[in-house]
Amino acid sequence: MSTLAEKVAHYTAVNNDLGLGLKEDLISKVAKGLGPSIYKSDSELVSCSDKEELARVRENFLKGKLGFKGHEEDLDHAIKEACEAMGTSNRNKYRALFYALLVRRLGREDVYA
């Protein structure tokens, strides 16, 4: 099993390859917050083609963890932007990077301060 530091190093390299512009500190904090899910091949990734999974991201992460109470359309738009930023043909959308993109896009870095 990889360590958190190894996962963060991998996510940082992918971040740089994709040109996402995320800070390593934010990636590290989001990855740590995800706990054991980053060590499981299925839960480590986000499937942008799975509507149920995207609804869980909206409900559990955006509304639950980040505390958003806004319109679902706005949150769905932010999720769509994160999918596009990581590449629609990219099959390895790492949850830590995906969530970090959402945190930055929605201006909620304070949650991970």
N, C-alpha and C. Protein backbone atom coordinates (compact mmCIF):
# COMPACT_ATOMS: atom_id res chain seq x y z
N MET A 1 0.85 -1.18 0.00
CA MET A 1 0.00 0.00 0.00
C MET A 1 0.89 1.24 0.00
N SER A 2 0.49 2.23 -0.72
CA SER A 2 1.21 3.49 -0.78
C SER A 2 0.99 4.29 0.50
N THR A 3 1.93 5.20 0.73
CA THR A 3 1.75 6.12 1.85
C THR A 3 1.05 7.37 1.34
N LEU A 4 0.57 8.18 2.27
CA LEU A 4 -0.06 9.44 1.88
C LEU A 4 0.91 10.30 1.08
N ALA A 5 2.17 10.35 1.51
CA ALA A 5 3.17 11.17 0.80
C ALA A 5 3.35 10.69 -0.64
N GLU A 6 3.34 9.37 -0.84
CA GLU A 6 3.47 8.83 -2.20
C GLU A 6 2.26 9.19 -3.05
N LYS A 7 1.08 9.09 -2.46
CA LYS A 7 -0.15 9.45 -3.19
C LYS A 7 -0.13 10.93 -3.56
N VAL A 8 0.25 11.79 -2.62
CA VAL A 8 0.29 13.23 -2.88
C VAL A 8 1.31 13.54 -3.97
N ALA A 9 2.46 12.88 -3.95
CA ALA A 9 3.47 13.08 -4.99
C ALA A 9 2.90 12.67 -6.36
N HIS A 10 2.18 11.56 -6.40
CA HIS A 10 1.57 11.11 -7.66
C HIS A 10 0.52 12.11 -8.13
N TYR A 11 -0.35 12.53 -7.23
CA TYR A 11 -1.40 13.49 -7.60
C TYR A 11 -0.80 14.81 -8.06
N THR A 12 0.29 15.23 -7.42
CA THR A 12 0.95 16.48 -7.81
C THR A 12 1.52 16.36 -9.21
N ALA A 13 2.11 15.20 -9.53
CA ALA A 13 2.64 14.98 -10.88
C ALA A 13 1.52 15.00 -11.91
N VAL A 14 0.41 14.36 -11.61
CA VAL A 14 -0.74 14.36 -12.53
C VAL A 14 -1.29 15.78 -12.67
N ASN A 15 -1.37 16.51 -11.57
CA ASN A 15 -1.80 17.90 -11.59
C ASN A 15 -0.94 18.71 -12.55
N ASN A 16 0.37 18.53 -12.47
CA ASN A 16 1.28 19.25 -13.36
C ASN A 16 1.12 18.81 -14.81
N ASP A 17 0.96 17.50 -15.04
CA ASP A 17 0.78 16.98 -16.40
C ASP A 17 -0.49 17.53 -17.04
N LEU A 18 -1.55 17.65 -16.26
CA LEU A 18 -2.83 18.13 -16.79
C LEU A 18 -2.92 19.66 -16.79
N GLY A 19 -1.96 20.33 -16.17
CA GLY A 19 -1.97 21.78 -16.11
C GLY A 19 -3.13 22.34 -15.30
N LEU A 20 -3.47 21.67 -14.21
CA LEU A 20 -4.61 22.09 -13.40
C LEU A 20 -4.31 23.30 -12.53
N GLY A 21 -3.04 23.50 -12.20
CA GLY A 21 -2.65 24.67 -11.41
C GLY A 21 -3.02 24.61 -9.94
N LEU A 22 -3.21 23.41 -9.42
CA LEU A 22 -3.55 23.26 -8.00
C LEU A 22 -2.27 23.30 -7.17
N LYS A 23 -2.37 23.84 -5.97
CA LYS A 23 -1.22 23.89 -5.06
C LYS A 23 -1.08 22.55 -4.35
N GLU A 24 0.17 22.13 -4.17
CA GLU A 24 0.43 20.85 -3.53
C GLU A 24 -0.16 20.80 -2.12
N ASP A 25 -0.14 21.91 -1.41
CA ASP A 25 -0.68 21.96 -0.06
C ASP A 25 -2.17 21.61 -0.05
N LEU A 26 -2.92 22.17 -1.00
CA LEU A 26 -4.35 21.87 -1.08
C LEU A 26 -4.57 20.41 -1.46
N ILE A 27 -3.80 19.92 -2.42
CA ILE A 27 -3.91 18.51 -2.83
C ILE A 27 -3.68 17.60 -1.62
N SER A 28 -2.65 17.91 -0.85
CA SER A 28 -2.30 17.11 0.32
C SER A 28 -3.43 17.10 1.36
N LYS A 29 -3.99 18.27 1.63
CA LYS A 29 -5.06 18.36 2.63
C LYS A 29 -6.33 17.65 2.17
N VAL A 30 -6.66 17.79 0.90
CA VAL A 30 -7.85 17.10 0.38
C VAL A 30 -7.63 15.59 0.42
N ALA A 31 -6.45 15.14 -0.01
CA ALA A 31 -6.15 13.70 0.00
C ALA A 31 -6.22 13.14 1.42
N LYS A 32 -5.66 13.87 2.36
CA LYS A 32 -5.71 13.41 3.76
C LYS A 32 -7.15 13.34 4.25
N GLY A 33 -7.96 14.31 3.86
CA GLY A 33 -9.37 14.33 4.26
C GLY A 33 -10.18 13.19 3.67
N LEU A 34 -9.73 12.66 2.55
CA LEU A 34 -10.44 11.54 1.92
C LEU A 34 -10.17 10.21 2.62
N GLY A 35 -9.14 10.18 3.44
CA GLY A 35 -8.85 8.98 4.22
C GLY A 35 -8.54 7.77 3.37
N PRO A 36 -8.99 6.59 3.79
CA PRO A 36 -8.64 5.34 3.12
C PRO A 36 -9.17 5.21 1.70
N SER A 37 -10.11 6.04 1.30
CA SER A 37 -10.68 5.90 -0.05
C SER A 37 -9.64 6.09 -1.14
N ILE A 38 -8.56 6.84 -0.87
CA ILE A 38 -7.55 7.06 -1.92
C ILE A 38 -6.68 5.83 -2.15
N TYR A 39 -6.80 4.83 -1.29
CA TYR A 39 -6.00 3.62 -1.44
C TYR A 39 -6.77 2.49 -2.12
N LYS A 40 -8.02 2.73 -2.47
CA LYS A 40 -8.85 1.72 -3.14
C LYS A 40 -9.04 2.16 -4.59
N SER A 41 -8.75 1.27 -5.51
CA SER A 41 -8.74 1.64 -6.93
C SER A 41 -10.07 2.21 -7.42
N ASP A 42 -11.18 1.69 -6.95
CA ASP A 42 -12.48 2.18 -7.42
C ASP A 42 -12.84 3.52 -6.79
N SER A 43 -12.68 3.63 -5.49
CA SER A 43 -13.09 4.87 -4.81
C SER A 43 -12.09 6.00 -5.00
N GLU A 44 -10.90 5.69 -5.49
CA GLU A 44 -9.89 6.72 -5.73
C GLU A 44 -10.25 7.59 -6.93
N LEU A 45 -11.09 7.06 -7.81
CA LEU A 45 -11.43 7.75 -9.05
C LEU A 45 -12.87 8.24 -9.04
N VAL A 46 -13.11 9.30 -9.82
CA VAL A 46 -14.46 9.83 -10.03
C VAL A 46 -14.85 9.53 -11.47
N SER A 47 -16.03 9.00 -11.66
CA SER A 47 -16.53 8.73 -13.01
C SER A 47 -17.52 9.82 -13.39
N CYS A 48 -17.11 10.66 -14.33
CA CYS A 48 -17.99 11.76 -14.75
C CYS A 48 -19.16 11.28 -15.60
N SER A 49 -19.13 10.03 -16.04
CA SER A 49 -20.24 9.50 -16.82
C SER A 49 -21.30 8.84 -15.94
N ASP A 50 -21.02 8.71 -14.65
CA ASP A 50 -21.95 8.08 -13.71
C ASP A 50 -22.74 9.17 -12.98
N LYS A 51 -23.97 9.36 -13.40
CA LYS A 51 -24.82 10.42 -12.83
C LYS A 51 -25.05 10.23 -11.33
N GLU A 52 -25.18 8.99 -10.89
CA GLU A 52 -25.38 8.73 -9.46
C GLU A 52 -24.16 9.14 -8.64
N GLU A 53 -22.97 8.85 -9.18
CA GLU A 53 -21.76 9.24 -8.47
C GLU A 53 -21.63 10.76 -8.39
N LEU A 54 -21.94 11.44 -9.48
CA LEU A 54 -21.86 12.90 -9.48
C LEU A 54 -22.88 13.50 -8.51
N ALA A 55 -24.03 12.87 -8.38
CA ALA A 55 -25.03 13.32 -7.40
C ALA A 55 -24.49 13.14 -5.98
N ARG A 56 -23.76 12.03 -5.75
CA ARG A 56 -23.16 11.82 -4.43
C ARG A 56 -22.08 12.85 -4.14
N VAL A 57 -21.30 13.22 -5.16
CA VAL A 57 -20.30 14.27 -4.99
C VAL A 57 -20.99 15.57 -4.57
N ARG A 58 -22.08 15.89 -5.26
CA ARG A 58 -22.83 17.11 -4.94
C ARG A 58 -23.38 17.06 -3.52
N GLU A 59 -24.04 15.97 -3.18
CA GLU A 59 -24.71 15.88 -1.88
C GLU A 59 -23.72 15.70 -0.72
N ASN A 60 -22.80 14.77 -0.86
CA ASN A 60 -21.92 14.43 0.26
C ASN A 60 -20.72 15.36 0.40
N PHE A 61 -20.16 15.80 -0.71
CA PHE A 61 -18.97 16.65 -0.62
C PHE A 61 -19.32 18.13 -0.67
N LEU A 62 -20.00 18.54 -1.73
CA LEU A 62 -20.28 19.97 -1.87
C LEU A 62 -21.26 20.48 -0.81
N LYS A 63 -22.32 19.75 -0.59
CA LYS A 63 -23.30 20.19 0.42
C LYS A 63 -22.88 19.76 1.83
N GLY A 64 -22.41 18.53 1.95
CA GLY A 64 -22.05 18.01 3.27
C GLY A 64 -20.75 18.59 3.80
N LYS A 65 -19.65 18.28 3.15
CA LYS A 65 -18.33 18.71 3.63
C LYS A 65 -18.12 20.21 3.49
N LEU A 66 -18.45 20.77 2.32
CA LEU A 66 -18.20 22.19 2.08
C LEU A 66 -19.33 23.09 2.55
N GLY A 67 -20.48 22.52 2.83
CA GLY A 67 -21.58 23.28 3.40
C GLY A 67 -22.36 24.16 2.44
N PHE A 68 -22.35 23.84 1.15
CA PHE A 68 -23.09 24.65 0.19
C PHE A 68 -24.58 24.40 0.29
N LYS A 69 -25.34 25.47 0.25
CA LYS A 69 -26.79 25.38 0.32
C LYS A 69 -27.43 25.94 -0.95
N GLY A 70 -26.60 26.29 -1.93
CA GLY A 70 -27.09 26.96 -3.13
C GLY A 70 -27.88 26.07 -4.06
N HIS A 71 -28.14 26.61 -5.22
CA HIS A 71 -28.90 25.91 -6.25
C HIS A 71 -28.12 24.71 -6.77
N GLU A 72 -28.81 23.60 -6.94
CA GLU A 72 -28.16 22.40 -7.44
C GLU A 72 -27.57 22.62 -8.83
N GLU A 73 -28.21 23.47 -9.63
CA GLU A 73 -27.71 23.74 -10.98
C GLU A 73 -26.31 24.36 -10.92
N ASP A 74 -26.08 25.26 -9.96
CA ASP A 74 -24.76 25.89 -9.81
C ASP A 74 -23.72 24.86 -9.40
N LEU A 75 -24.09 23.97 -8.49
CA LEU A 75 -23.17 22.94 -8.04
C LEU A 75 -22.89 21.94 -9.16
N ASP A 76 -23.93 21.57 -9.91
CA ASP A 76 -23.75 20.67 -11.04
C ASP A 76 -22.85 21.29 -12.10
N HIS A 77 -22.97 22.61 -12.29
CA HIS A 77 -22.11 23.31 -13.25
C HIS A 77 -20.65 23.25 -12.80
N ALA A 78 -20.40 23.43 -11.52
CA ALA A 78 -19.04 23.35 -10.99
C ALA A 78 -18.47 21.95 -11.18
N ILE A 79 -19.30 20.93 -10.97
CA ILE A 79 -18.87 19.54 -11.17
C ILE A 79 -18.55 19.32 -12.65
N LYS A 80 -19.38 19.83 -13.54
CA LYS A 80 -19.14 19.68 -14.97
C LYS A 80 -17.82 20.35 -15.36
N GLU A 81 -17.55 21.52 -14.80
CA GLU A 81 -16.30 22.22 -15.09
C GLU A 81 -15.09 21.40 -14.62
N ALA A 82 -15.21 20.76 -13.46
CA ALA A 82 -14.12 19.93 -12.95
C ALA A 82 -13.89 18.73 -13.88
N CYS A 83 -14.98 18.13 -14.37
CA CYS A 83 -14.86 17.02 -15.32
C CYS A 83 -14.12 17.47 -16.57
N GLU A 84 -14.50 18.62 -17.09
CA GLU A 84 -13.87 19.14 -18.30
C GLU A 84 -12.42 19.51 -18.07
N ALA A 85 -12.11 20.09 -16.91
CA ALA A 85 -10.74 20.49 -16.61
C ALA A 85 -9.81 19.29 -16.55
N MET A 86 -10.33 18.16 -16.09
CA MET A 86 -9.51 16.95 -16.00
C MET A 86 -9.47 16.18 -17.31
N GLY A 87 -10.28 16.60 -18.27
CA GLY A 87 -10.28 15.97 -19.59
C GLY A 87 -11.38 14.96 -19.72
N THR A 88 -12.26 15.18 -20.67
CA THR A 88 -13.41 14.29 -20.83
C THR A 88 -12.99 12.87 -21.22
N SER A 89 -11.86 12.73 -21.90
CA SER A 89 -11.41 11.39 -22.29
C SER A 89 -10.46 10.77 -21.25
N ASN A 90 -10.10 11.53 -20.24
CA ASN A 90 -9.22 11.03 -19.18
C ASN A 90 -10.01 10.09 -18.27
N ARG A 91 -9.60 8.83 -18.23
CA ARG A 91 -10.33 7.84 -17.43
C ARG A 91 -9.84 7.81 -15.98
N ASN A 92 -8.75 8.51 -15.69
CA ASN A 92 -8.19 8.52 -14.33
C ASN A 92 -8.39 9.88 -13.68
N LYS A 93 -9.61 10.18 -13.36
CA LYS A 93 -9.93 11.43 -12.66
C LYS A 93 -9.82 11.14 -11.17
N TYR A 94 -8.66 11.45 -10.62
CA TYR A 94 -8.42 11.15 -9.21
C TYR A 94 -9.30 12.02 -8.32
N ARG A 95 -9.95 11.37 -7.38
CA ARG A 95 -10.89 12.05 -6.49
C ARG A 95 -10.23 13.21 -5.75
N ALA A 96 -8.99 13.04 -5.29
CA ALA A 96 -8.31 14.11 -4.56
C ALA A 96 -8.15 15.35 -5.44
N LEU A 97 -7.79 15.17 -6.69
CA LEU A 97 -7.65 16.30 -7.61
C LEU A 97 -9.01 16.88 -7.98
N PHE A 98 -9.96 16.01 -8.21
CA PHE A 98 -11.31 16.44 -8.57
C PHE A 98 -11.91 17.31 -7.47
N TYR A 99 -11.79 16.84 -6.23
CA TYR A 99 -12.32 17.60 -5.10
C TYR A 99 -11.54 18.90 -4.90
N ALA A 100 -10.22 18.85 -5.08
CA ALA A 100 -9.41 20.07 -4.94
C ALA A 100 -9.82 21.11 -5.98
N LEU A 101 -10.12 20.66 -7.20
CA LEU A 101 -10.62 21.59 -8.23
C LEU A 101 -11.93 22.23 -7.79
N LEU A 102 -12.82 21.44 -7.23
CA LEU A 102 -14.10 21.97 -6.76
C LEU A 102 -13.90 22.96 -5.61
N VAL A 103 -13.01 22.63 -4.69
CA VAL A 103 -12.72 23.52 -3.56
C VAL A 103 -12.23 24.87 -4.08
N ARG A 104 -11.27 24.82 -5.01
CA ARG A 104 -10.73 26.07 -5.57
C ARG A 104 -11.78 26.82 -6.36
N ARG A 105 -12.52 26.12 -7.21
CA ARG A 105 -13.53 26.74 -8.06
C ARG A 105 -14.60 27.45 -7.24
N LEU A 106 -14.97 26.85 -6.11
CA LEU A 106 -16.03 27.39 -5.28
C LEU A 106 -15.51 28.27 -4.14
N GLY A 107 -14.18 28.48 -4.11
CA GLY A 107 -13.59 29.37 -3.12
C GLY A 107 -13.71 28.90 -1.68
N ARG A 108 -13.58 27.61 -1.47
CA ARG A 108 -13.76 27.06 -0.12
C ARG A 108 -12.46 26.48 0.46
N GLU A 109 -11.33 27.07 0.09
CA GLU A 109 -10.05 26.62 0.63
C GLU A 109 -10.01 26.71 2.15
N ASP A 110 -10.81 27.61 2.73
CA ASP A 110 -10.84 27.78 4.18
C ASP A 110 -11.25 26.50 4.92
N VAL A 111 -11.99 25.64 4.26
CA VAL A 111 -12.40 24.37 4.88
C VAL A 111 -11.17 23.51 5.19
N TYR A 112 -10.12 23.67 4.39
CA TYR A 112 -8.91 22.87 4.55
C TYR A 112 -7.76 23.68 5.15
N ALA A 113 -8.05 24.82 5.74
CA ALA A 113 -6.99 25.68 6.31
C ALA A 113 -6.41 25.08 7.58
